[in-house]
Amino acid sequence: MLEPLVFLDAEPCFPVVFVCPKDETHKTIIGNIMEMKARGASIISVVEEDDEEIKNLSDEYFEVAGSLPESLSPIAFIVPLQLLALWQSRKVVTRTNPAT
C-alpha cells in the first residue's frame, strides 16, 4: 500500500488537516472527514463560522468569516493554516534543539 493512508493505519491519531469552504466540494469533504475518522485520524479543520456540520465532525477547528466572496475566501483560509504551520515548526525546533 503506497499511499498516504498507510500513515493512518500505522499511527493512531495521525493529524489530518481539512480546508472546508461551503461550496460544491462540501459534501465530498464531509465524506473524506468521515473516512479519516473511521481510520482513527485526528481531524483539524478550517471552517466557515456557520458550518456546524464540519465543526461537529472535527476534533479541532479554526473559524473564518463565512460571508466573504468566493474570490477572497482563499485569503481567509490561509491565515489559520500559516499559524498552524508556525506553531508546528516551533514545536519541532524546540524538540530537536532544546537550547532555543
N, C-alpha and C. Protein backbone atom coordinates (compact mmCIF):
# COMPACT_ATOMS: atom_id res chain seq x y z
N MET A 1 0.85 -1.17 0.00
CA MET A 1 0.00 0.00 0.00
C MET A 1 0.90 1.23 0.00
N LEU A 2 1.05 1.87 -1.14
CA LEU A 2 1.92 3.04 -1.27
C LEU A 2 1.07 4.29 -1.48
N GLU A 3 0.45 4.72 -0.43
CA GLU A 3 -0.37 5.92 -0.49
C GLU A 3 -0.43 6.54 0.90
N PRO A 4 -0.91 7.77 1.02
CA PRO A 4 -0.93 8.44 2.32
C PRO A 4 -1.74 7.71 3.40
N LEU A 5 -2.67 6.85 3.01
CA LEU A 5 -3.46 6.14 4.01
C LEU A 5 -2.63 5.20 4.85
N VAL A 6 -1.44 4.85 4.39
CA VAL A 6 -0.54 3.99 5.17
C VAL A 6 -0.24 4.64 6.52
N PHE A 7 -0.06 5.95 6.53
CA PHE A 7 0.25 6.66 7.78
C PHE A 7 -0.89 6.52 8.78
N LEU A 8 -2.11 6.55 8.29
CA LEU A 8 -3.26 6.45 9.19
C LEU A 8 -3.33 5.09 9.84
N ASP A 9 -2.99 4.05 9.10
CA ASP A 9 -3.04 2.71 9.65
C ASP A 9 -1.87 2.45 10.60
N ALA A 10 -0.76 3.15 10.39
CA ALA A 10 0.45 2.91 11.18
C ALA A 10 0.46 3.66 12.51
N GLU A 11 -0.14 4.82 12.56
CA GLU A 11 -0.05 5.65 13.76
C GLU A 11 -1.44 6.15 14.16
N PRO A 12 -1.91 5.80 15.35
CA PRO A 12 -3.22 6.28 15.79
C PRO A 12 -3.20 7.79 16.02
N CYS A 13 -4.32 8.42 15.79
CA CYS A 13 -4.49 9.88 15.97
C CYS A 13 -3.58 10.69 15.06
N PHE A 14 -3.24 10.17 13.90
CA PHE A 14 -2.44 10.93 12.93
C PHE A 14 -3.24 12.16 12.52
N PRO A 15 -2.67 13.37 12.61
CA PRO A 15 -3.45 14.57 12.29
C PRO A 15 -3.67 14.74 10.79
N VAL A 16 -4.89 15.07 10.43
CA VAL A 16 -5.25 15.35 9.05
C VAL A 16 -5.94 16.72 9.04
N VAL A 17 -5.46 17.63 8.19
CA VAL A 17 -6.00 18.99 8.13
C VAL A 17 -6.88 19.12 6.90
N PHE A 18 -8.09 19.65 7.11
CA PHE A 18 -9.04 19.88 6.02
C PHE A 18 -9.35 21.36 5.90
N VAL A 19 -9.41 21.86 4.68
CA VAL A 19 -9.90 23.20 4.39
C VAL A 19 -11.31 23.02 3.85
N CYS A 20 -12.30 23.62 4.53
CA CYS A 20 -13.70 23.29 4.27
C CYS A 20 -14.55 24.50 3.88
N PRO A 21 -14.41 25.00 2.67
CA PRO A 21 -15.31 26.07 2.24
C PRO A 21 -16.70 25.49 1.98
N LYS A 22 -17.71 26.33 2.09
CA LYS A 22 -19.08 25.87 1.80
C LYS A 22 -19.34 26.13 0.31
N ASP A 23 -18.87 25.21 -0.51
CA ASP A 23 -19.07 25.31 -1.95
C ASP A 23 -19.46 23.94 -2.47
N GLU A 24 -19.26 23.70 -3.76
CA GLU A 24 -19.68 22.43 -4.35
C GLU A 24 -18.88 21.24 -3.84
N THR A 25 -17.77 21.46 -3.17
CA THR A 25 -16.94 20.36 -2.63
C THR A 25 -17.35 19.96 -1.21
N HIS A 26 -18.30 20.65 -0.62
CA HIS A 26 -18.64 20.45 0.79
C HIS A 26 -19.03 19.01 1.12
N LYS A 27 -19.91 18.42 0.33
CA LYS A 27 -20.35 17.04 0.61
C LYS A 27 -19.19 16.05 0.46
N THR A 28 -18.32 16.27 -0.49
CA THR A 28 -17.15 15.41 -0.68
C THR A 28 -16.21 15.51 0.52
N ILE A 29 -16.01 16.73 1.01
CA ILE A 29 -15.15 16.93 2.17
C ILE A 29 -15.72 16.22 3.39
N ILE A 30 -17.02 16.30 3.59
CA ILE A 30 -17.65 15.60 4.72
C ILE A 30 -17.39 14.10 4.62
N GLY A 31 -17.54 13.54 3.43
CA GLY A 31 -17.26 12.11 3.23
C GLY A 31 -15.81 11.77 3.53
N ASN A 32 -14.89 12.64 3.10
CA ASN A 32 -13.47 12.40 3.37
C ASN A 32 -13.16 12.48 4.86
N ILE A 33 -13.77 13.44 5.56
CA ILE A 33 -13.56 13.55 7.01
C ILE A 33 -14.07 12.29 7.70
N MET A 34 -15.24 11.81 7.31
CA MET A 34 -15.80 10.61 7.93
C MET A 34 -14.90 9.40 7.69
N GLU A 35 -14.32 9.29 6.50
CA GLU A 35 -13.41 8.18 6.21
C GLU A 35 -12.15 8.26 7.07
N MET A 36 -11.60 9.46 7.21
CA MET A 36 -10.39 9.62 8.02
C MET A 36 -10.66 9.34 9.49
N LYS A 37 -11.83 9.77 9.99
CA LYS A 37 -12.19 9.48 11.38
C LYS A 37 -12.34 7.98 11.60
N ALA A 38 -12.92 7.29 10.61
CA ALA A 38 -13.08 5.84 10.72
C ALA A 38 -11.73 5.14 10.79
N ARG A 39 -10.71 5.74 10.22
CA ARG A 39 -9.36 5.17 10.26
C ARG A 39 -8.57 5.62 11.49
N GLY A 40 -9.20 6.42 12.35
CA GLY A 40 -8.56 6.82 13.59
C GLY A 40 -7.78 8.11 13.54
N ALA A 41 -7.96 8.90 12.50
CA ALA A 41 -7.22 10.16 12.37
C ALA A 41 -7.77 11.22 13.31
N SER A 42 -6.92 12.16 13.65
CA SER A 42 -7.32 13.35 14.40
C SER A 42 -7.61 14.44 13.37
N ILE A 43 -8.82 14.97 13.37
CA ILE A 43 -9.26 15.90 12.34
C ILE A 43 -9.12 17.35 12.80
N ILE A 44 -8.38 18.13 12.02
CA ILE A 44 -8.24 19.57 12.24
C ILE A 44 -8.81 20.24 10.99
N SER A 45 -9.80 21.11 11.18
CA SER A 45 -10.47 21.73 10.04
C SER A 45 -10.41 23.24 10.10
N VAL A 46 -10.38 23.85 8.93
CA VAL A 46 -10.57 25.30 8.80
C VAL A 46 -11.94 25.45 8.17
N VAL A 47 -12.88 26.03 8.93
CA VAL A 47 -14.29 26.07 8.52
C VAL A 47 -14.82 27.49 8.53
N GLU A 48 -15.89 27.68 7.78
CA GLU A 48 -16.62 28.95 7.86
C GLU A 48 -17.40 28.95 9.16
N GLU A 49 -17.61 30.14 9.72
CA GLU A 49 -18.16 30.25 11.07
C GLU A 49 -19.55 29.63 11.25
N ASP A 50 -20.32 29.47 10.20
CA ASP A 50 -21.67 28.91 10.34
C ASP A 50 -21.75 27.44 9.93
N ASP A 51 -20.64 26.77 9.79
CA ASP A 51 -20.61 25.37 9.33
C ASP A 51 -20.57 24.40 10.52
N GLU A 52 -21.72 24.21 11.16
CA GLU A 52 -21.81 23.36 12.35
C GLU A 52 -21.54 21.89 12.04
N GLU A 53 -21.89 21.44 10.85
CA GLU A 53 -21.70 20.03 10.50
C GLU A 53 -20.22 19.64 10.53
N ILE A 54 -19.37 20.44 9.92
CA ILE A 54 -17.93 20.16 9.92
C ILE A 54 -17.36 20.33 11.32
N LYS A 55 -17.81 21.34 12.05
CA LYS A 55 -17.32 21.55 13.42
C LYS A 55 -17.58 20.32 14.28
N ASN A 56 -18.77 19.73 14.13
CA ASN A 56 -19.11 18.54 14.92
C ASN A 56 -18.28 17.33 14.55
N LEU A 57 -17.84 17.24 13.30
CA LEU A 57 -17.01 16.11 12.86
C LEU A 57 -15.54 16.28 13.22
N SER A 58 -15.12 17.51 13.49
CA SER A 58 -13.70 17.81 13.71
C SER A 58 -13.32 17.68 15.18
N ASP A 59 -12.07 17.28 15.41
CA ASP A 59 -11.55 17.26 16.77
C ASP A 59 -11.13 18.67 17.20
N GLU A 60 -10.57 19.41 16.27
CA GLU A 60 -10.19 20.81 16.48
C GLU A 60 -10.55 21.56 15.20
N TYR A 61 -10.88 22.85 15.34
CA TYR A 61 -11.18 23.63 14.13
C TYR A 61 -10.83 25.10 14.33
N PHE A 62 -10.57 25.75 13.20
CA PHE A 62 -10.37 27.19 13.13
C PHE A 62 -11.54 27.75 12.35
N GLU A 63 -12.10 28.87 12.81
CA GLU A 63 -13.20 29.51 12.10
C GLU A 63 -12.70 30.69 11.29
N VAL A 64 -13.29 30.84 10.10
CA VAL A 64 -13.05 32.03 9.28
C VAL A 64 -14.41 32.65 8.95
N ALA A 65 -14.41 33.90 8.53
CA ALA A 65 -15.66 34.58 8.18
C ALA A 65 -16.35 33.85 7.04
N GLY A 66 -17.65 33.67 7.17
CA GLY A 66 -18.39 32.93 6.17
C GLY A 66 -19.04 33.78 5.11
N SER A 67 -18.97 35.09 5.25
CA SER A 67 -19.67 35.97 4.31
C SER A 67 -18.76 36.57 3.25
N LEU A 68 -17.58 36.01 3.06
CA LEU A 68 -16.66 36.53 2.05
C LEU A 68 -17.03 36.05 0.66
N PRO A 69 -16.76 36.86 -0.36
CA PRO A 69 -16.94 36.37 -1.73
C PRO A 69 -15.98 35.21 -2.00
N GLU A 70 -16.36 34.32 -2.88
CA GLU A 70 -15.55 33.14 -3.17
C GLU A 70 -14.14 33.52 -3.63
N SER A 71 -14.01 34.62 -4.33
CA SER A 71 -12.69 35.03 -4.82
C SER A 71 -11.74 35.45 -3.70
N LEU A 72 -12.28 35.86 -2.55
CA LEU A 72 -11.44 36.29 -1.42
C LEU A 72 -11.28 35.21 -0.34
N SER A 73 -12.06 34.17 -0.40
CA SER A 73 -12.01 33.16 0.66
C SER A 73 -10.65 32.48 0.81
N PRO A 74 -9.86 32.27 -0.25
CA PRO A 74 -8.53 31.66 -0.03
C PRO A 74 -7.66 32.47 0.92
N ILE A 75 -7.80 33.78 0.91
CA ILE A 75 -7.01 34.63 1.81
C ILE A 75 -7.41 34.35 3.26
N ALA A 76 -8.71 34.25 3.51
CA ALA A 76 -9.18 33.98 4.87
C ALA A 76 -8.77 32.59 5.34
N PHE A 77 -8.80 31.61 4.45
CA PHE A 77 -8.47 30.24 4.84
C PHE A 77 -6.97 30.03 5.06
N ILE A 78 -6.14 30.81 4.41
CA ILE A 78 -4.69 30.59 4.53
C ILE A 78 -4.13 31.07 5.87
N VAL A 79 -4.74 32.06 6.48
CA VAL A 79 -4.21 32.61 7.73
C VAL A 79 -4.13 31.56 8.84
N PRO A 80 -5.21 30.82 9.15
CA PRO A 80 -5.09 29.79 10.19
C PRO A 80 -4.11 28.68 9.81
N LEU A 81 -4.00 28.37 8.52
CA LEU A 81 -3.06 27.34 8.09
C LEU A 81 -1.62 27.79 8.31
N GLN A 82 -1.34 29.06 8.05
CA GLN A 82 0.01 29.59 8.29
C GLN A 82 0.33 29.60 9.78
N LEU A 83 -0.64 29.95 10.60
CA LEU A 83 -0.43 29.93 12.05
C LEU A 83 -0.20 28.51 12.57
N LEU A 84 -0.93 27.56 12.03
CA LEU A 84 -0.73 26.16 12.40
C LEU A 84 0.67 25.70 12.00
N ALA A 85 1.11 26.08 10.82
CA ALA A 85 2.46 25.71 10.36
C ALA A 85 3.53 26.35 11.25
N LEU A 86 3.33 27.60 11.63
CA LEU A 86 4.27 28.28 12.51
C LEU A 86 4.35 27.59 13.86
N TRP A 87 3.19 27.30 14.44
CA TRP A 87 3.15 26.62 15.74
C TRP A 87 3.84 25.27 15.67
N GLN A 88 3.55 24.51 14.62
CA GLN A 88 4.15 23.18 14.48
C GLN A 88 5.66 23.27 14.27
N SER A 89 6.12 24.24 13.50
CA SER A 89 7.56 24.36 13.26
C SER A 89 8.29 24.74 14.54
N ARG A 90 7.71 25.60 15.34
CA ARG A 90 8.33 25.96 16.62
C ARG A 90 8.37 24.77 17.56
N LYS A 91 7.34 23.96 17.53
CA LYS A 91 7.29 22.76 18.38
C LYS A 91 8.40 21.79 17.98
N VAL A 92 8.61 21.59 16.69
CA VAL A 92 9.64 20.68 16.20
C VAL A 92 11.03 21.22 16.51
N VAL A 93 11.26 22.52 16.30
CA VAL A 93 12.57 23.12 16.57
C VAL A 93 12.91 22.99 18.05
N THR A 94 11.96 23.25 18.92
CA THR A 94 12.20 23.15 20.35
C THR A 94 12.55 21.72 20.75
N ARG A 95 11.89 20.76 20.14
CA ARG A 95 12.15 19.36 20.46
C ARG A 95 13.53 18.91 19.98
N THR A 96 13.94 19.38 18.82
CA THR A 96 15.22 18.93 18.27
C THR A 96 16.41 19.75 18.77
N ASN A 97 16.15 20.97 19.21
CA ASN A 97 17.22 21.82 19.71
C ASN A 97 16.75 22.52 20.99
N PRO A 98 16.90 21.88 22.14
CA PRO A 98 16.37 22.43 23.39
C PRO A 98 16.95 23.79 23.78
N ALA A 99 18.07 24.19 23.17
CA ALA A 99 18.68 25.48 23.52
C ALA A 99 17.86 26.66 23.01
N THR A 100 16.95 26.46 22.07
CA THR A 100 16.16 27.57 21.53
C THR A 100 14.88 27.77 22.27
